[in-house]
């Protein structure tokens, strides 16, 4: 049981890293610093696409990572 949880934890960890790295930054360089105010007005349309999906997957994988970490710690200790 502990071995299976550890393998799943490694897979979730790698997936979380990949998803976080695939997301675009909040301010993409100098253009983000200049047009930072425009992002508040026009950024809502962009959030419906891939960014919303990546954000949702990040939250799901982070919660799954925390739950699996607690379960692995419990089973290793017991």
PDB file of N, CA and C in Angstrom:
ATOM      1  N   UNK A   1       0.828  -1.197   0.000  1.00  0.00           N
ATOM      2  CA  UNK A   1       0.000   0.000   0.000  1.00  0.00           C
ATOM      3  C   UNK A   1       0.871   1.260   0.000  1.00  0.00           C
ATOM      4  N   UNK A   2       1.895   1.258   0.841  1.00  0.00           N
ATOM      5  CA  UNK A   2       2.762   2.427   0.933  1.00  0.00           C
ATOM      6  C   UNK A   2       3.529   2.637  -0.367  1.00  0.00           C
ATOM      7  N   UNK A   3       3.946   1.534  -1.007  1.00  0.00           N
ATOM      8  CA  UNK A   3       4.687   1.652  -2.258  1.00  0.00           C
ATOM      9  C   UNK A   3       3.806   2.233  -3.365  1.00  0.00           C
ATOM     10  N   UNK A   4       2.575   1.792  -3.436  1.00  0.00           N
ATOM     11  CA  UNK A   4       1.656   2.316  -4.446  1.00  0.00           C
ATOM     12  C   UNK A   4       1.398   3.810  -4.224  1.00  0.00           C
ATOM     13  N   UNK A   5       1.224   4.217  -2.983  1.00  0.00           N
ATOM     14  CA  UNK A   5       1.008   5.637  -2.680  1.00  0.00           C
ATOM     15  C   UNK A   5       2.242   6.465  -3.032  1.00  0.00           C
ATOM     16  N   UNK A   6       3.431   5.925  -2.793  1.00  0.00           N
ATOM     17  CA  UNK A   6       4.652   6.651  -3.134  1.00  0.00           C
ATOM     18  C   UNK A   6       4.789   6.835  -4.637  1.00  0.00           C
ATOM     19  N   UNK A   7       4.439   5.796  -5.405  1.00  0.00           N
ATOM     20  CA  UNK A   7       4.515   5.900  -6.859  1.00  0.00           C
ATOM     21  C   UNK A   7       3.520   6.941  -7.374  1.00  0.00           C
ATOM     22  N   UNK A   8       2.300   6.914  -6.840  1.00  0.00           N
ATOM     23  CA  UNK A   8       1.289   7.902  -7.240  1.00  0.00           C
ATOM     24  C   UNK A   8       1.735   9.306  -6.845  1.00  0.00           C
ATOM     25  N   UNK A   9       2.366   9.446  -5.684  1.00  0.00           N
ATOM     26  CA  UNK A   9       2.853  10.745  -5.224  1.00  0.00           C
ATOM     27  C   UNK A   9       3.924  11.292  -6.161  1.00  0.00           C
ATOM     28  N   UNK A  10       4.810  10.447  -6.636  1.00  0.00           N
ATOM     29  CA  UNK A  10       5.846  10.893  -7.572  1.00  0.00           C
ATOM     30  C   UNK A  10       5.213  11.344  -8.894  1.00  0.00           C
ATOM     31  N   UNK A  11       4.235  10.590  -9.375  1.00  0.00           N
ATOM     32  CA  UNK A  11       3.562  10.958 -10.624  1.00  0.00           C
ATOM     33  C   UNK A  11       2.838  12.291 -10.472  1.00  0.00           C
ATOM     34  N   UNK A  12       2.136  12.479  -9.358  1.00  0.00           N
ATOM     35  CA  UNK A  12       1.423  13.738  -9.116  1.00  0.00           C
ATOM     36  C   UNK A  12       2.415  14.887  -8.969  1.00  0.00           C
ATOM     37  N   UNK A  13       3.547  14.650  -8.324  1.00  0.00           N
ATOM     38  CA  UNK A  13       4.553  15.694  -8.147  1.00  0.00           C
ATOM     39  C   UNK A  13       5.109  16.163  -9.487  1.00  0.00           C
ATOM     40  N   UNK A  14       5.458  15.212 -10.349  1.00  0.00           N
ATOM     41  CA  UNK A  14       5.997  15.575 -11.658  1.00  0.00           C
ATOM     42  C   UNK A  14       4.933  16.292 -12.488  1.00  0.00           C
ATOM     43  N   UNK A  15       3.692  15.827 -12.409  1.00  0.00           N
ATOM     44  CA  UNK A  15       2.607  16.479 -13.138  1.00  0.00           C
ATOM     45  C   UNK A  15       2.393  17.903 -12.653  1.00  0.00           C
ATOM     46  N   UNK A  16       2.467  18.113 -11.350  1.00  0.00           N
ATOM     47  CA  UNK A  16       2.293  19.454 -10.789  1.00  0.00           C
ATOM     48  C   UNK A  16       3.399  20.388 -11.259  1.00  0.00           C
ATOM     49  N   UNK A  17       4.626  19.901 -11.300  1.00  0.00           N
ATOM     50  CA  UNK A  17       5.743  20.717 -11.774  1.00  0.00           C
ATOM     51  C   UNK A  17       5.544  21.107 -13.231  1.00  0.00           C
ATOM     52  N   UNK A  18       5.140  20.146 -14.058  1.00  0.00           N
ATOM     53  CA  UNK A  18       4.942  20.421 -15.491  1.00  0.00           C
ATOM     54  C   UNK A  18       3.818  21.431 -15.699  1.00  0.00           C
ATOM     55  N   UNK A  19       2.714  21.273 -14.976  1.00  0.00           N
ATOM     56  CA  UNK A  19       1.573  22.185 -15.121  1.00  0.00           C
ATOM     57  C   UNK A  19       1.948  23.600 -14.692  1.00  0.00           C
ATOM     58  N   UNK A  20       2.684  23.727 -13.610  1.00  0.00           N
ATOM     59  CA  UNK A  20       3.080  25.058 -13.138  1.00  0.00           C
ATOM     60  C   UNK A  20       4.030  25.719 -14.133  1.00  0.00           C
ATOM     61  N   UNK A  21       4.953  24.949 -14.691  1.00  0.00           N
ATOM     62  CA  UNK A  21       5.879  25.527 -15.663  1.00  0.00           C
ATOM     63  C   UNK A  21       5.204  25.876 -16.981  1.00  0.00           C
ATOM     64  N   UNK A  22       4.097  25.228 -17.294  1.00  0.00           N
ATOM     65  CA  UNK A  22       3.388  25.501 -18.545  1.00  0.00           C
ATOM     66  C   UNK A  22       2.555  26.775 -18.484  1.00  0.00           C
ATOM     67  N   UNK A  23       2.310  27.283 -17.303  1.00  0.00           N
ATOM     68  CA  UNK A  23       1.487  28.483 -17.165  1.00  0.00           C
ATOM     69  C   UNK A  23       2.277  29.714 -17.556  1.00  0.00           C
ATOM     70  N   UNK A  24       1.562  30.701 -18.090  1.00  0.00           N
ATOM     71  CA  UNK A  24       2.206  31.963 -18.427  1.00  0.00           C
ATOM     72  C   UNK A  24       2.316  32.817 -17.178  1.00  0.00           C
ATOM     73  N   UNK A  25       3.328  33.661 -17.139  1.00  0.00           N
ATOM     74  CA  UNK A  25       3.542  34.514 -15.986  1.00  0.00           C
ATOM     75  C   UNK A  25       2.532  35.639 -15.918  1.00  0.00           C
ATOM     76  N   UNK A  26       2.390  36.242 -14.757  1.00  0.00           N
ATOM     77  CA  UNK A  26       1.462  37.360 -14.595  1.00  0.00           C
ATOM     78  C   UNK A  26       1.946  38.590 -15.343  1.00  0.00           C
ATOM     79  N   UNK A  27       3.238  38.845 -15.311  1.00  0.00           N
ATOM     80  CA  UNK A  27       3.794  39.960 -16.070  1.00  0.00           C
ATOM     81  C   UNK A  27       4.907  39.396 -16.946  1.00  0.00           C
ATOM     82  N   UNK A  28       4.664  39.362 -18.222  1.00  0.00           N
ATOM     83  CA  UNK A  28       5.608  38.752 -19.152  1.00  0.00           C
ATOM     84  C   UNK A  28       6.639  39.789 -19.587  1.00  0.00           C
ATOM     85  N   UNK A  29       7.642  40.008 -18.771  1.00  0.00           N
ATOM     86  CA  UNK A  29       8.730  40.903 -19.113  1.00  0.00           C
ATOM     87  C   UNK A  29       8.366  42.370 -19.021  1.00  0.00           C
ATOM     88  N   UNK A  30       9.024  43.175 -19.850  1.00  0.00           N
ATOM     89  CA  UNK A  30       8.837  44.626 -19.824  1.00  0.00           C
ATOM     90  C   UNK A  30       7.456  45.021 -20.326  1.00  0.00           C
ATOM     91  N   UNK A  31       6.926  44.273 -21.293  1.00  0.00           N
ATOM     92  CA  UNK A  31       5.596  44.615 -21.803  1.00  0.00           C
ATOM     93  C   UNK A  31       4.536  44.418 -20.725  1.00  0.00           C
ATOM     94  N   UNK A  32       4.742  43.485 -19.837  1.00  0.00           N
ATOM     95  CA  UNK A  32       3.802  43.289 -18.737  1.00  0.00           C
ATOM     96  C   UNK A  32       3.867  44.419 -17.731  1.00  0.00           C
ATOM     97  N   UNK A  33       5.048  45.003 -17.566  1.00  0.00           N
ATOM     98  CA  UNK A  33       5.188  46.127 -16.639  1.00  0.00           C
ATOM     99  C   UNK A  33       4.528  47.379 -17.195  1.00  0.00           C
ATOM    100  N   UNK A  34       4.619  47.572 -18.512  1.00  0.00           N
ATOM    101  CA  UNK A  34       4.031  48.758 -19.131  1.00  0.00           C
ATOM    102  C   UNK A  34       2.516  48.612 -19.235  1.00  0.00           C
ATOM    103  N   UNK A  35       2.057  47.459 -19.667  1.00  0.00           N
ATOM    104  CA  UNK A  35       0.623  47.250 -19.906  1.00  0.00           C
ATOM    105  C   UNK A  35      -0.036  46.504 -18.760  1.00  0.00           C
ATOM    106  N   UNK A  36       0.455  46.661 -17.578  1.00  0.00           N
ATOM    107  CA  UNK A  36      -0.096  45.928 -16.434  1.00  0.00           C
ATOM    108  C   UNK A  36      -1.524  46.295 -16.118  1.00  0.00           C
ATOM    109  N   UNK A  37      -1.897  47.557 -16.309  1.00  0.00           N
ATOM    110  CA  UNK A  37      -3.268  47.976 -16.049  1.00  0.00           C
ATOM    111  C   UNK A  37      -4.248  47.436 -17.060  1.00  0.00           C
ATOM    112  N   UNK A  38      -3.792  47.242 -18.290  1.00  0.00           N
ATOM    113  CA  UNK A  38      -4.670  46.716 -19.330  1.00  0.00           C
ATOM    114  C   UNK A  38      -5.017  45.251 -19.070  1.00  0.00           C
ATOM    115  N   UNK A  39      -4.173  44.551 -18.355  1.00  0.00           N
ATOM    116  CA  UNK A  39      -4.429  43.138 -18.057  1.00  0.00           C
ATOM    117  C   UNK A  39      -5.666  42.974 -17.187  1.00  0.00           C
ATOM    118  N   UNK A  40      -5.957  43.952 -16.356  1.00  0.00           N
ATOM    119  CA  UNK A  40      -7.141  43.861 -15.510  1.00  0.00           C
ATOM    120  C   UNK A  40      -8.422  43.950 -16.335  1.00  0.00           C
ATOM    121  N   UNK A  41      -8.399  44.741 -17.415  1.00  0.00           N
ATOM    122  CA  UNK A  41      -9.592  44.909 -18.232  1.00  0.00           C
ATOM    123  C   UNK A  41      -9.735  43.821 -19.285  1.00  0.00           C
ATOM    124  N   UNK A  42      -8.633  43.481 -19.939  1.00  0.00           N
ATOM    125  CA  UNK A  42      -8.691  42.543 -21.054  1.00  0.00           C
ATOM    126  C   UNK A  42      -8.286  41.131 -20.658  1.00  0.00           C
ATOM    127  N   UNK A  43      -7.831  40.939 -19.459  1.00  0.00           N
ATOM    128  CA  UNK A  43      -7.359  39.632 -19.029  1.00  0.00           C
ATOM    129  C   UNK A  43      -8.470  38.642 -18.759  1.00  0.00           C
ATOM    130  N   UNK A  44      -9.692  39.099 -18.596  1.00  0.00           N
ATOM    131  CA  UNK A  44     -10.794  38.196 -18.283  1.00  0.00           C
ATOM    132  C   UNK A  44     -11.150  37.309 -19.466  1.00  0.00           C
ATOM    133  N   UNK A  45     -11.001  37.800 -20.679  1.00  0.00           N
ATOM    134  CA  UNK A  45     -11.304  36.993 -21.863  1.00  0.00           C
ATOM    135  C   UNK A  45     -10.282  35.887 -22.035  1.00  0.00           C
ATOM    136  N   UNK A  46      -9.038  36.146 -21.653  1.00  0.00           N
ATOM    137  CA  UNK A  46      -7.992  35.150 -21.789  1.00  0.00           C
ATOM    138  C   UNK A  46      -8.158  34.032 -20.765  1.00  0.00           C
ATOM    139  N   UNK A  47      -8.789  34.331 -19.648  1.00  0.00           N
ATOM    140  CA  UNK A  47      -8.918  33.365 -18.564  1.00  0.00           C
ATOM    141  C   UNK A  47      -9.903  32.260 -18.879  1.00  0.00           C
ATOM    142  N   UNK A  48     -10.644  32.375 -19.970  1.00  0.00           N
ATOM    143  CA  UNK A  48     -11.621  31.345 -20.308  1.00  0.00           C
ATOM    144  C   UNK A  48     -10.979  30.159 -21.005  1.00  0.00           C
ATOM    145  N   UNK A  49      -9.796  30.308 -21.511  1.00  0.00           N
ATOM    146  CA  UNK A  49      -9.170  29.283 -22.327  1.00  0.00           C
ATOM    147  C   UNK A  49      -8.243  28.370 -21.549  1.00  0.00           C
ATOM    148  N   UNK A  50      -7.039  28.260 -22.059  1.00  0.00           N
ATOM    149  CA  UNK A  50      -6.061  27.324 -21.523  1.00  0.00           C
ATOM    150  C   UNK A  50      -5.578  27.744 -20.139  1.00  0.00           C
ATOM    151  N   UNK A  51      -5.556  29.051 -19.870  1.00  0.00           N
ATOM    152  CA  UNK A  51      -5.101  29.509 -18.558  1.00  0.00           C
ATOM    153  C   UNK A  51      -6.049  29.055 -17.457  1.00  0.00           C
ATOM    154  N   UNK A  52      -7.336  29.062 -17.735  1.00  0.00           N
ATOM    155  CA  UNK A  52      -8.305  28.598 -16.739  1.00  0.00           C
ATOM    156  C   UNK A  52      -8.144  27.104 -16.494  1.00  0.00           C
ATOM    157  N   UNK A  53      -7.916  26.357 -17.561  1.00  0.00           N
ATOM    158  CA  UNK A  53      -7.706  24.917 -17.422  1.00  0.00           C
ATOM    159  C   UNK A  53      -6.444  24.617 -16.620  1.00  0.00           C
ATOM    160  N   UNK A  54      -5.358  25.324 -16.925  1.00  0.00           N
ATOM    161  CA  UNK A  54      -4.104  25.105 -16.191  1.00  0.00           C
ATOM    162  C   UNK A  54      -4.243  25.498 -14.726  1.00  0.00           C
ATOM    163  N   UNK A  55      -4.976  26.577 -14.466  1.00  0.00           N
ATOM    164  CA  UNK A  55      -5.197  26.996 -13.074  1.00  0.00           C
ATOM    165  C   UNK A  55      -6.003  25.947 -12.315  1.00  0.00           C
ATOM    166  N   UNK A  56      -7.056  25.441 -12.946  1.00  0.00           N
ATOM    167  CA  UNK A  56      -7.891  24.414 -12.309  1.00  0.00           C
ATOM    168  C   UNK A  56      -7.089  23.137 -12.045  1.00  0.00           C
ATOM    169  N   UNK A  57      -6.258  22.740 -13.012  1.00  0.00           N
ATOM    170  CA  UNK A  57      -5.441  21.534 -12.839  1.00  0.00           C
ATOM    171  C   UNK A  57      -4.394  21.727 -11.747  1.00  0.00           C
ATOM    172  N   UNK A  58      -3.861  22.943 -11.626  1.00  0.00           N
ATOM    173  CA  UNK A  58      -2.892  23.232 -10.571  1.00  0.00           C
ATOM    174  C   UNK A  58      -3.528  23.070  -9.196  1.00  0.00           C
ATOM    175  N   UNK A  59      -4.727  23.583  -9.035  1.00  0.00           N
ATOM    176  CA  UNK A  59      -5.419  23.467  -7.748  1.00  0.00           C
ATOM    177  C   UNK A  59      -5.717  22.004  -7.423  1.00  0.00           C
ATOM    178  N   UNK A  60      -6.211  21.268  -8.407  1.00  0.00           N
ATOM    179  CA  UNK A  60      -6.544  19.856  -8.179  1.00  0.00           C
ATOM    180  C   UNK A  60      -5.303  19.054  -7.830  1.00  0.00           C
ATOM    181  N   UNK A  61      -4.223  19.247  -8.585  1.00  0.00           N
ATOM    182  CA  UNK A  61      -2.997  18.497  -8.319  1.00  0.00           C
ATOM    183  C   UNK A  61      -2.363  18.893  -6.984  1.00  0.00           C
ATOM    184  N   UNK A  62      -2.471  20.163  -6.602  1.00  0.00           N
ATOM    185  CA  UNK A  62      -1.912  20.592  -5.321  1.00  0.00           C
ATOM    186  C   UNK A  62      -2.656  19.956  -4.152  1.00  0.00           C
ATOM    187  N   UNK A  63      -3.980  19.914  -4.240  1.00  0.00           N
ATOM    188  CA  UNK A  63      -4.768  19.268  -3.179  1.00  0.00           C
ATOM    189  C   UNK A  63      -4.465  17.778  -3.129  1.00  0.00           C
ATOM    190  N   UNK A  64      -4.384  17.148  -4.295  1.00  0.00           N
ATOM    191  CA  UNK A  64      -4.055  15.723  -4.359  1.00  0.00           C
ATOM    192  C   UNK A  64      -2.670  15.450  -3.796  1.00  0.00           C
ATOM    193  N   UNK A  65      -1.718  16.345  -4.077  1.00  0.00           N
ATOM    194  CA  UNK A  65      -0.366  16.205  -3.544  1.00  0.00           C
ATOM    195  C   UNK A  65      -0.358  16.271  -2.022  1.00  0.00           C
ATOM    196  N   UNK A  66      -1.096  17.208  -1.460  1.00  0.00           N
ATOM    197  CA  UNK A  66      -1.128  17.336   0.001  1.00  0.00           C
ATOM    198  C   UNK A  66      -1.772  16.116   0.655  1.00  0.00           C
ATOM    199  N   UNK A  67      -2.868  15.634   0.085  1.00  0.00           N
ATOM    200  CA  UNK A  67      -3.545  14.464   0.652  1.00  0.00           C
ATOM    201  C   UNK A  67      -2.656  13.234   0.562  1.00  0.00           C
ATOM    202  N   UNK A  68      -2.017  13.039  -0.582  1.00  0.00           N
ATOM    203  CA  UNK A  68      -1.128  11.891  -0.734  1.00  0.00           C
ATOM    204  C   UNK A  68       0.076  11.982   0.189  1.00  0.00           C
ATOM    205  N   UNK A  69       0.607  13.179   0.399  1.00  0.00           N
ATOM    206  CA  UNK A  69       1.743  13.352   1.309  1.00  0.00           C
ATOM    207  C   UNK A  69       1.369  12.959   2.731  1.00  0.00           C
ATOM    208  N   UNK A  70       0.184  13.355   3.159  1.00  0.00           N
ATOM    209  CA  UNK A  70      -0.273  12.996   4.503  1.00  0.00           C
ATOM    210  C   UNK A  70      -0.481  11.483   4.618  1.00  0.00           C
ATOM    211  N   UNK A  71      -1.068  10.888   3.582  1.00  0.00           N
ATOM    212  CA  UNK A  71      -1.287   9.435   3.608  1.00  0.00           C
ATOM    213  C   UNK A  71       0.021   8.661   3.615  1.00  0.00           C
ATOM    214  N   UNK A  72       0.992   9.080   2.820  1.00  0.00           N
ATOM    215  CA  UNK A  72       2.287   8.400   2.799  1.00  0.00           C
ATOM    216  C   UNK A  72       2.973   8.530   4.155  1.00  0.00           C
ATOM    217  N   UNK A  73       2.922   9.709   4.755  1.00  0.00           N
ATOM    218  CA  UNK A  73       3.542   9.903   6.069  1.00  0.00           C
ATOM    219  C   UNK A  73       2.855   9.019   7.114  1.00  0.00           C
ATOM    220  N   UNK A  74       1.546   8.869   7.016  1.00  0.00           N
ATOM    221  CA  UNK A  74       0.817   8.040   7.972  1.00  0.00           C
ATOM    222  C   UNK A  74       1.193   6.567   7.807  1.00  0.00           C
ATOM    223  N   UNK A  75       1.234   6.074   6.576  1.00  0.00           N
ATOM    224  CA  UNK A  75       1.524   4.660   6.352  1.00  0.00           C
ATOM    225  C   UNK A  75       2.978   4.293   6.600  1.00  0.00           C
ATOM    226  N   UNK A  76       3.891   5.220   6.372  1.00  0.00           N
ATOM    227  CA  UNK A  76       5.305   4.956   6.648  1.00  0.00           C
ATOM    228  C   UNK A  76       5.550   4.909   8.153  1.00  0.00           C
ATOM    229  N   UNK A  77       4.857   5.767   8.881  1.00  0.00           N
ATOM    230  CA  UNK A  77       5.010   5.825  10.335  1.00  0.00           C
ATOM    231  C   UNK A  77       4.398   4.612  11.017  1.00  0.00           C
ATOM    232  N   UNK A  78       3.279   4.123  10.500  1.00  0.00           N
ATOM    233  CA  UNK A  78       2.554   3.034  11.151  1.00  0.00           C
ATOM    234  C   UNK A  78       3.197   1.692  10.959  1.00  0.00           C
TER     235      UNK A  78
END
